[in-house]
Amino acid sequence: MFRPSPSVLAPAAAVLALTLATIAPAQSVAQSSDGTAGPPAALRARQAHMGLYQFNLMTLGAMAQGQIAYDAAAATAAASNLVALSGMQTAAYWQPGTAAGEVEGSRALPALWENIADAAARGQALHEAALGMAEVAGAGLEALQGAMGPLGQACSGCHQAYRAP
């Protein structure tokens, strides 16, 4: 099983921490009755997390499509970041009251909360696809291109079901 080295995970964790540290103080963090951060903070954290997915997927996709030169080290780093991101515990991001129409800026459809087990299974599929990408990202352009399909399908499957356009 692929296990990203600490030297690869550290930059991902630092980027996530920096992103959340700069976004969270911008607005006050309302707390839920259980003491956790409330819906506005949860939405901001979720959007920051998705932005990190997008950044790393764009790197891999641009290489796969020949828009930028293939770079084994950069591909490996992006894939390792996806593994780290998809392996994080994100349940607190998906609080009730953060669906589209309930809080400004959300694109998450209410159906997600009605089908939370399915959404979680789709998250696990994304993690497995990220692991698959991480195993081959540094092994050459063809290997990277072959792993893009499952990774893209995992992302789009959840977005089609649970994200507003």
N, C-alpha and C. Protein backbone atom coordinates (compact mmCIF):
# COMPACT_ATOMS: atom_id res chain seq x y z
N MET A 1 0.84 -1.18 0.00
CA MET A 1 0.00 0.00 0.00
C MET A 1 0.88 1.24 0.00
N PHE A 2 0.52 2.22 -0.78
CA PHE A 2 1.27 3.48 -0.85
C PHE A 2 1.06 4.28 0.42
N ARG A 3 2.14 4.74 0.99
CA ARG A 3 2.08 5.63 2.15
C ARG A 3 2.97 6.82 1.84
N PRO A 4 2.35 8.00 1.68
CA PRO A 4 3.16 9.17 1.38
C PRO A 4 4.15 9.43 2.50
N SER A 5 5.34 9.84 2.13
CA SER A 5 6.36 10.13 3.13
C SER A 5 5.98 11.40 3.88
N PRO A 6 6.47 11.52 5.11
CA PRO A 6 6.19 12.75 5.87
C PRO A 6 6.65 14.00 5.14
N SER A 7 7.71 13.89 4.35
CA SER A 7 8.20 15.07 3.63
C SER A 7 7.21 15.50 2.55
N VAL A 8 6.38 14.59 2.07
CA VAL A 8 5.35 14.94 1.08
C VAL A 8 4.10 15.44 1.79
N LEU A 9 3.75 14.81 2.91
CA LEU A 9 2.55 15.21 3.62
C LEU A 9 2.70 16.55 4.33
N ALA A 10 3.88 16.86 4.78
CA ALA A 10 4.09 18.11 5.51
C ALA A 10 3.67 19.33 4.70
N PRO A 11 4.08 19.44 3.41
CA PRO A 11 3.62 20.60 2.65
C PRO A 11 2.11 20.65 2.50
N ALA A 12 1.47 19.51 2.33
CA ALA A 12 0.01 19.50 2.20
C ALA A 12 -0.64 19.98 3.48
N ALA A 13 -0.15 19.50 4.59
CA ALA A 13 -0.71 19.92 5.87
C ALA A 13 -0.46 21.41 6.11
N ALA A 14 0.70 21.87 5.73
CA ALA A 14 1.02 23.29 5.91
C ALA A 14 0.11 24.17 5.05
N VAL A 15 -0.12 23.75 3.81
CA VAL A 15 -0.99 24.52 2.92
C VAL A 15 -2.41 24.54 3.49
N LEU A 16 -2.90 23.39 3.94
CA LEU A 16 -4.24 23.35 4.51
C LEU A 16 -4.33 24.22 5.75
N ALA A 17 -3.35 24.12 6.63
CA ALA A 17 -3.37 24.93 7.85
C ALA A 17 -3.32 26.42 7.52
N LEU A 18 -2.47 26.78 6.57
CA LEU A 18 -2.37 28.19 6.19
C LEU A 18 -3.67 28.68 5.57
N THR A 19 -4.26 27.86 4.71
CA THR A 19 -5.52 28.25 4.08
C THR A 19 -6.60 28.46 5.12
N LEU A 20 -6.74 27.51 6.02
CA LEU A 20 -7.78 27.63 7.04
C LEU A 20 -7.47 28.76 8.00
N ALA A 21 -6.21 28.98 8.31
CA ALA A 21 -5.84 30.05 9.23
C ALA A 21 -6.14 31.43 8.66
N THR A 22 -6.03 31.56 7.35
CA THR A 22 -6.28 32.87 6.76
C THR A 22 -7.75 33.08 6.46
N ILE A 23 -8.50 32.01 6.26
CA ILE A 23 -9.92 32.14 5.96
C ILE A 23 -10.73 32.29 7.24
N ALA A 24 -10.49 31.44 8.22
CA ALA A 24 -11.32 31.41 9.42
C ALA A 24 -11.36 32.74 10.17
N PRO A 25 -10.24 33.45 10.38
CA PRO A 25 -10.34 34.69 11.13
C PRO A 25 -11.08 35.81 10.40
N ALA A 26 -11.28 35.66 9.10
CA ALA A 26 -11.93 36.72 8.33
C ALA A 26 -13.34 37.00 8.82
N GLN A 27 -13.99 35.99 9.37
CA GLN A 27 -15.34 36.16 9.90
C GLN A 27 -15.39 35.47 11.26
N SER A 28 -16.30 35.90 12.09
CA SER A 28 -16.39 35.26 13.40
C SER A 28 -16.88 33.83 13.24
N VAL A 29 -16.47 32.97 14.16
CA VAL A 29 -16.85 31.57 14.11
C VAL A 29 -17.98 31.35 15.11
N ALA A 30 -19.18 31.20 14.58
CA ALA A 30 -20.32 30.87 15.44
C ALA A 30 -20.21 29.42 15.85
N GLN A 31 -20.61 29.12 17.07
CA GLN A 31 -20.53 27.75 17.54
C GLN A 31 -21.91 27.11 17.57
N SER A 32 -21.92 25.81 17.29
CA SER A 32 -23.14 25.02 17.39
C SER A 32 -23.38 24.70 18.85
N SER A 33 -24.52 24.11 19.14
CA SER A 33 -24.86 23.78 20.53
C SER A 33 -23.90 22.77 21.13
N ASP A 34 -23.22 21.97 20.30
CA ASP A 34 -22.27 20.98 20.83
C ASP A 34 -20.87 21.56 20.99
N GLY A 35 -20.70 22.86 20.75
CA GLY A 35 -19.41 23.51 20.94
C GLY A 35 -18.50 23.50 19.73
N THR A 36 -18.90 22.83 18.67
CA THR A 36 -18.08 22.82 17.45
C THR A 36 -18.36 24.08 16.65
N ALA A 37 -17.50 24.35 15.69
CA ALA A 37 -17.70 25.52 14.82
C ALA A 37 -19.03 25.37 14.10
N GLY A 38 -19.74 26.47 13.95
CA GLY A 38 -21.06 26.46 13.34
C GLY A 38 -21.03 26.46 11.83
N PRO A 39 -22.22 26.53 11.22
CA PRO A 39 -22.35 26.43 9.77
C PRO A 39 -21.48 27.38 8.94
N PRO A 40 -21.35 28.66 9.28
CA PRO A 40 -20.49 29.51 8.43
C PRO A 40 -19.04 29.02 8.38
N ALA A 41 -18.50 28.64 9.53
CA ALA A 41 -17.13 28.14 9.57
C ALA A 41 -17.02 26.80 8.86
N ALA A 42 -18.01 25.95 9.02
CA ALA A 42 -18.00 24.65 8.36
C ALA A 42 -18.00 24.82 6.85
N LEU A 43 -18.81 25.74 6.35
CA LEU A 43 -18.86 25.98 4.92
C LEU A 43 -17.51 26.50 4.41
N ARG A 44 -16.91 27.43 5.13
CA ARG A 44 -15.62 27.97 4.70
C ARG A 44 -14.55 26.89 4.69
N ALA A 45 -14.55 26.04 5.70
CA ALA A 45 -13.58 24.95 5.76
C ALA A 45 -13.79 23.98 4.60
N ARG A 46 -15.04 23.66 4.34
CA ARG A 46 -15.38 22.75 3.24
C ARG A 46 -14.92 23.33 1.91
N GLN A 47 -15.18 24.61 1.69
CA GLN A 47 -14.78 25.23 0.43
C GLN A 47 -13.26 25.31 0.31
N ALA A 48 -12.57 25.56 1.39
CA ALA A 48 -11.10 25.58 1.36
C ALA A 48 -10.57 24.19 1.01
N HIS A 49 -11.17 23.18 1.61
CA HIS A 49 -10.76 21.80 1.35
C HIS A 49 -10.97 21.45 -0.13
N MET A 50 -12.14 21.82 -0.65
CA MET A 50 -12.43 21.55 -2.06
C MET A 50 -11.47 22.33 -2.97
N GLY A 51 -11.10 23.52 -2.57
CA GLY A 51 -10.15 24.30 -3.35
C GLY A 51 -8.79 23.62 -3.42
N LEU A 52 -8.38 22.97 -2.34
CA LEU A 52 -7.12 22.23 -2.36
C LEU A 52 -7.22 21.00 -3.26
N TYR A 53 -8.37 20.34 -3.25
CA TYR A 53 -8.57 19.25 -4.21
C TYR A 53 -8.39 19.78 -5.63
N GLN A 54 -9.08 20.87 -5.92
CA GLN A 54 -9.06 21.44 -7.27
C GLN A 54 -7.64 21.80 -7.69
N PHE A 55 -6.89 22.43 -6.83
CA PHE A 55 -5.52 22.83 -7.16
C PHE A 55 -4.68 21.61 -7.56
N ASN A 56 -4.75 20.56 -6.77
CA ASN A 56 -3.94 19.37 -7.04
C ASN A 56 -4.44 18.60 -8.25
N LEU A 57 -5.76 18.54 -8.42
CA LEU A 57 -6.33 17.88 -9.60
C LEU A 57 -5.97 18.64 -10.87
N MET A 58 -5.94 19.96 -10.79
CA MET A 58 -5.57 20.76 -11.97
C MET A 58 -4.13 20.48 -12.38
N THR A 59 -3.25 20.31 -11.42
CA THR A 59 -1.86 20.00 -11.71
C THR A 59 -1.78 18.67 -12.47
N LEU A 60 -2.43 17.66 -11.95
CA LEU A 60 -2.41 16.34 -12.59
C LEU A 60 -3.10 16.37 -13.95
N GLY A 61 -4.25 17.03 -14.01
CA GLY A 61 -4.99 17.10 -15.27
C GLY A 61 -4.23 17.84 -16.35
N ALA A 62 -3.56 18.92 -15.99
CA ALA A 62 -2.78 19.68 -16.97
C ALA A 62 -1.64 18.83 -17.52
N MET A 63 -1.02 18.02 -16.67
CA MET A 63 0.03 17.11 -17.15
C MET A 63 -0.58 16.05 -18.05
N ALA A 64 -1.68 15.47 -17.63
CA ALA A 64 -2.31 14.39 -18.40
C ALA A 64 -2.73 14.87 -19.78
N GLN A 65 -3.14 16.13 -19.89
CA GLN A 65 -3.60 16.67 -21.16
C GLN A 65 -2.50 17.34 -21.97
N GLY A 66 -1.28 17.31 -21.46
CA GLY A 66 -0.16 17.91 -22.18
C GLY A 66 -0.13 19.43 -22.14
N GLN A 67 -0.89 20.02 -21.23
CA GLN A 67 -0.89 21.48 -21.10
C GLN A 67 0.36 21.98 -20.39
N ILE A 68 0.91 21.15 -19.53
CA ILE A 68 2.21 21.42 -18.91
C ILE A 68 3.04 20.15 -19.02
N ALA A 69 4.33 20.30 -18.93
CA ALA A 69 5.23 19.15 -19.04
C ALA A 69 5.03 18.21 -17.85
N TYR A 70 5.11 16.93 -18.14
CA TYR A 70 5.04 15.94 -17.07
C TYR A 70 6.26 16.11 -16.18
N ASP A 71 6.03 16.11 -14.89
CA ASP A 71 7.08 16.23 -13.88
C ASP A 71 6.76 15.21 -12.80
N ALA A 72 7.59 14.16 -12.72
CA ALA A 72 7.31 13.07 -11.79
C ALA A 72 7.21 13.55 -10.35
N ALA A 73 8.08 14.44 -9.95
CA ALA A 73 8.06 14.92 -8.56
C ALA A 73 6.79 15.73 -8.28
N ALA A 74 6.41 16.61 -9.20
CA ALA A 74 5.21 17.42 -9.01
C ALA A 74 3.96 16.53 -9.04
N ALA A 75 3.94 15.54 -9.91
CA ALA A 75 2.80 14.63 -9.99
C ALA A 75 2.68 13.82 -8.71
N THR A 76 3.79 13.35 -8.21
CA THR A 76 3.79 12.58 -6.97
C THR A 76 3.31 13.44 -5.81
N ALA A 77 3.78 14.68 -5.75
CA ALA A 77 3.35 15.58 -4.67
C ALA A 77 1.85 15.86 -4.75
N ALA A 78 1.35 16.14 -5.94
CA ALA A 78 -0.09 16.42 -6.09
C ALA A 78 -0.91 15.20 -5.71
N ALA A 79 -0.49 14.03 -6.16
CA ALA A 79 -1.22 12.80 -5.83
C ALA A 79 -1.17 12.52 -4.33
N SER A 80 -0.03 12.74 -3.71
CA SER A 80 0.09 12.54 -2.26
C SER A 80 -0.81 13.52 -1.51
N ASN A 81 -0.90 14.74 -2.01
CA ASN A 81 -1.80 15.72 -1.39
C ASN A 81 -3.24 15.25 -1.47
N LEU A 82 -3.63 14.66 -2.61
CA LEU A 82 -4.99 14.16 -2.75
C LEU A 82 -5.27 13.02 -1.77
N VAL A 83 -4.27 12.17 -1.57
CA VAL A 83 -4.44 11.09 -0.59
C VAL A 83 -4.65 11.69 0.79
N ALA A 84 -3.83 12.67 1.14
CA ALA A 84 -3.96 13.29 2.45
C ALA A 84 -5.32 13.97 2.60
N LEU A 85 -5.73 14.71 1.60
CA LEU A 85 -7.01 15.42 1.65
C LEU A 85 -8.18 14.45 1.75
N SER A 86 -8.16 13.41 0.93
CA SER A 86 -9.28 12.47 0.91
C SER A 86 -9.30 11.57 2.14
N GLY A 87 -8.19 11.51 2.87
CA GLY A 87 -8.13 10.70 4.08
C GLY A 87 -8.48 11.46 5.35
N MET A 88 -8.70 12.76 5.21
CA MET A 88 -9.02 13.57 6.39
C MET A 88 -10.46 13.33 6.86
N GLN A 89 -10.67 13.50 8.14
CA GLN A 89 -12.01 13.42 8.71
C GLN A 89 -12.70 14.77 8.45
N THR A 90 -13.72 14.75 7.61
CA THR A 90 -14.37 15.99 7.20
C THR A 90 -15.84 16.08 7.63
N ALA A 91 -16.29 15.19 8.48
CA ALA A 91 -17.70 15.17 8.86
C ALA A 91 -18.18 16.53 9.40
N ALA A 92 -17.32 17.24 10.10
CA ALA A 92 -17.72 18.53 10.68
C ALA A 92 -17.99 19.59 9.61
N TYR A 93 -17.47 19.38 8.40
CA TYR A 93 -17.71 20.32 7.30
C TYR A 93 -19.14 20.25 6.77
N TRP A 94 -19.76 19.11 6.97
CA TRP A 94 -21.06 18.83 6.34
C TRP A 94 -22.19 18.96 7.35
N GLN A 95 -22.24 20.06 8.03
CA GLN A 95 -23.25 20.28 9.05
C GLN A 95 -24.61 20.58 8.42
N PRO A 96 -25.69 20.12 9.07
CA PRO A 96 -27.02 20.54 8.63
C PRO A 96 -27.08 22.07 8.66
N GLY A 97 -27.79 22.63 7.72
CA GLY A 97 -27.89 24.08 7.63
C GLY A 97 -26.86 24.69 6.71
N THR A 98 -26.05 23.85 6.03
CA THR A 98 -25.03 24.37 5.13
C THR A 98 -25.28 23.99 3.67
N ALA A 99 -26.50 23.61 3.37
CA ALA A 99 -26.85 23.25 1.99
C ALA A 99 -27.12 24.51 1.17
N ALA A 100 -27.12 24.35 -0.14
CA ALA A 100 -27.49 25.44 -1.04
C ALA A 100 -28.88 25.92 -0.66
N GLY A 101 -29.05 27.23 -0.56
CA GLY A 101 -30.31 27.81 -0.16
C GLY A 101 -30.45 28.00 1.34
N GLU A 102 -29.59 27.36 2.11
CA GLU A 102 -29.63 27.51 3.57
C GLU A 102 -28.56 28.48 4.07
N VAL A 103 -27.46 28.54 3.33
CA VAL A 103 -26.37 29.44 3.69
C VAL A 103 -25.77 29.96 2.38
N GLU A 104 -25.48 31.23 2.35
CA GLU A 104 -24.97 31.86 1.13
C GLU A 104 -23.64 31.25 0.72
N GLY A 105 -23.53 30.95 -0.56
CA GLY A 105 -22.28 30.44 -1.11
C GLY A 105 -22.18 28.93 -1.20
N SER A 106 -23.13 28.21 -0.64
CA SER A 106 -23.08 26.75 -0.68
C SER A 106 -23.66 26.23 -1.98
N ARG A 107 -23.03 25.20 -2.52
CA ARG A 107 -23.55 24.51 -3.70
C ARG A 107 -23.94 23.07 -3.37
N ALA A 108 -23.80 22.69 -2.11
CA ALA A 108 -24.16 21.33 -1.70
C ALA A 108 -25.67 21.18 -1.70
N LEU A 109 -26.15 20.17 -2.40
CA LEU A 109 -27.59 19.94 -2.48
C LEU A 109 -28.11 19.28 -1.19
N PRO A 110 -29.33 19.61 -0.79
CA PRO A 110 -29.91 18.98 0.41
C PRO A 110 -29.93 17.45 0.33
N ALA A 111 -29.93 16.90 -0.88
CA ALA A 111 -29.94 15.44 -1.04
C ALA A 111 -28.73 14.78 -0.37
N LEU A 112 -27.65 15.51 -0.21
CA LEU A 112 -26.47 14.94 0.44
C LEU A 112 -26.82 14.49 1.86
N TRP A 113 -27.53 15.33 2.61
CA TRP A 113 -27.87 15.01 3.99
C TRP A 113 -28.94 13.92 4.05
N GLU A 114 -29.71 13.75 2.99
CA GLU A 114 -30.71 12.70 2.94
C GLU A 114 -30.08 11.35 2.60
N ASN A 115 -28.88 11.39 2.03
CA ASN A 115 -28.19 10.17 1.57
C ASN A 115 -26.74 10.17 2.08
N ILE A 116 -26.57 10.45 3.35
CA ILE A 116 -25.23 10.63 3.89
C ILE A 116 -24.38 9.36 3.74
N ALA A 117 -24.97 8.19 3.82
CA ALA A 117 -24.20 6.94 3.67
C ALA A 117 -23.66 6.83 2.24
N ASP A 118 -24.47 7.21 1.26
CA ASP A 118 -24.01 7.20 -0.13
C ASP A 118 -22.91 8.23 -0.33
N ALA A 119 -23.08 9.41 0.24
CA ALA A 119 -22.05 10.45 0.11
C ALA A 119 -20.74 9.98 0.74
N ALA A 120 -20.82 9.31 1.87
CA ALA A 120 -19.62 8.79 2.52
C ALA A 120 -18.96 7.71 1.66
N ALA A 121 -19.76 6.87 1.03
CA ALA A 121 -19.21 5.83 0.15
C ALA A 121 -18.51 6.48 -1.05
N ARG A 122 -19.07 7.55 -1.55
CA ARG A 122 -18.43 8.26 -2.66
C ARG A 122 -17.12 8.91 -2.20
N GLY A 123 -17.09 9.37 -0.98
CA GLY A 123 -15.84 9.90 -0.42
C GLY A 123 -14.78 8.82 -0.31
N GLN A 124 -15.19 7.63 0.08
CA GLN A 124 -14.26 6.50 0.16
C GLN A 124 -13.76 6.12 -1.24
N ALA A 125 -14.64 6.18 -2.23
CA ALA A 125 -14.22 5.90 -3.61
C ALA A 125 -13.18 6.92 -4.08
N LEU A 126 -13.36 8.16 -3.69
CA LEU A 126 -12.37 9.19 -4.03
C LEU A 126 -11.04 8.86 -3.37
N HIS A 127 -11.06 8.46 -2.13
CA HIS A 127 -9.82 8.11 -1.43
C HIS A 127 -9.11 6.95 -2.14
N GLU A 128 -9.87 5.95 -2.54
CA GLU A 128 -9.28 4.81 -3.23
C GLU A 128 -8.70 5.22 -4.58
N ALA A 129 -9.39 6.10 -5.30
CA ALA A 129 -8.88 6.59 -6.57
C ALA A 129 -7.62 7.43 -6.36
N ALA A 130 -7.59 8.21 -5.28
CA ALA A 130 -6.40 8.99 -4.96
C ALA A 130 -5.23 8.08 -4.63
N LEU A 131 -5.49 7.02 -3.89
CA LEU A 131 -4.43 6.04 -3.61
C LEU A 131 -3.90 5.42 -4.90
N GLY A 132 -4.83 5.09 -5.81
CA GLY A 132 -4.42 4.55 -7.10
C GLY A 132 -3.54 5.52 -7.88
N MET A 133 -3.92 6.78 -7.87
CA MET A 133 -3.12 7.80 -8.55
C MET A 133 -1.75 7.92 -7.88
N ALA A 134 -1.72 7.92 -6.57
CA ALA A 134 -0.45 8.07 -5.85
C ALA A 134 0.51 6.92 -6.15
N GLU A 135 -0.03 5.75 -6.40
CA GLU A 135 0.83 4.61 -6.71
C GLU A 135 1.54 4.76 -8.05
N VAL A 136 0.96 5.51 -8.99
CA VAL A 136 1.52 5.56 -10.34
C VAL A 136 1.92 6.95 -10.82
N ALA A 137 1.59 7.99 -10.09
CA ALA A 137 1.81 9.36 -10.57
C ALA A 137 3.25 9.64 -10.96
N GLY A 138 4.19 9.07 -10.25
CA GLY A 138 5.60 9.31 -10.54
C GLY A 138 6.20 8.32 -11.52
N ALA A 139 5.39 7.41 -12.04
CA ALA A 139 5.90 6.33 -12.90
C ALA A 139 5.83 6.65 -14.38
N GLY A 140 5.49 7.87 -14.73
CA GLY A 140 5.44 8.25 -16.14
C GLY A 140 4.09 8.82 -16.54
N LEU A 141 4.12 9.53 -17.66
CA LEU A 141 2.92 10.21 -18.13
C LEU A 141 1.79 9.23 -18.45
N GLU A 142 2.10 8.13 -19.10
CA GLU A 142 1.05 7.17 -19.45
C GLU A 142 0.37 6.60 -18.21
N ALA A 143 1.14 6.31 -17.19
CA ALA A 143 0.57 5.78 -15.95
C ALA A 143 -0.33 6.82 -15.29
N LEU A 144 0.13 8.07 -15.28
CA LEU A 144 -0.69 9.16 -14.72
C LEU A 144 -1.98 9.29 -15.51
N GLN A 145 -1.89 9.28 -16.82
CA GLN A 145 -3.08 9.42 -17.66
C GLN A 145 -4.07 8.29 -17.39
N GLY A 146 -3.57 7.08 -17.17
CA GLY A 146 -4.44 5.94 -16.90
C GLY A 146 -5.18 6.06 -15.58
N ALA A 147 -4.59 6.75 -14.63
CA ALA A 147 -5.23 6.89 -13.31
C ALA A 147 -6.17 8.09 -13.25
N MET A 148 -6.14 8.95 -14.26
CA MET A 148 -7.01 10.13 -14.24
C MET A 148 -8.49 9.76 -14.35
N GLY A 149 -8.82 8.75 -15.13
CA GLY A 149 -10.22 8.35 -15.32
C GLY A 149 -10.91 8.03 -14.01
N PRO A 150 -10.37 7.07 -13.24
CA PRO A 150 -11.02 6.75 -11.97
C PRO A 150 -11.08 7.94 -11.00
N LEU A 151 -10.05 8.76 -11.01
CA LEU A 151 -10.03 9.92 -10.13
C LEU A 151 -11.12 10.92 -10.55
N GLY A 152 -11.20 11.19 -11.83
CA GLY A 152 -12.23 12.11 -12.33
C GLY A 152 -13.63 11.58 -12.11
N GLN A 153 -13.80 10.28 -12.29
CA GLN A 153 -15.12 9.67 -12.08
C GLN A 153 -15.54 9.76 -10.62
N ALA A 154 -14.59 9.59 -9.72
CA ALA A 154 -14.91 9.67 -8.29
C ALA A 154 -15.36 11.09 -7.93
N CYS A 155 -14.66 12.07 -8.47
CA CYS A 155 -15.04 13.47 -8.19
C CYS A 155 -16.40 13.80 -8.82
N SER A 156 -16.52 13.51 -10.09
CA SER A 156 -17.75 13.91 -10.79
C SER A 156 -18.96 13.13 -10.31
N GLY A 157 -18.78 11.90 -9.88
CA GLY A 157 -19.91 11.12 -9.38
C GLY A 157 -20.56 11.78 -8.17
N CYS A 158 -19.75 12.29 -7.28
CA CYS A 158 -20.30 12.97 -6.11
C CYS A 158 -20.87 14.33 -6.50
N HIS A 159 -20.16 15.05 -7.35
CA HIS A 159 -20.63 16.37 -7.76
C HIS A 159 -21.96 16.29 -8.52
N GLN A 160 -22.10 15.30 -9.38
CA GLN A 160 -23.35 15.16 -10.13
C GLN A 160 -24.53 14.88 -9.21
N ALA A 161 -24.27 14.10 -8.18
CA ALA A 161 -25.35 13.72 -7.26
C ALA A 161 -25.64 14.78 -6.21
N TYR A 162 -24.61 15.49 -5.76
CA TYR A 162 -24.78 16.30 -4.57
C TYR A 162 -24.31 17.76 -4.66
N ARG A 163 -24.01 18.24 -5.85
CA ARG A 163 -23.58 19.64 -5.98
C ARG A 163 -24.38 20.35 -7.04
N ALA A 164 -24.87 21.52 -6.71
CA ALA A 164 -25.58 22.35 -7.67
C ALA A 164 -24.59 22.90 -8.69
N PRO A 165 -25.06 23.13 -9.93
CA PRO A 165 -24.15 23.67 -10.95
C PRO A 165 -23.60 25.02 -10.55
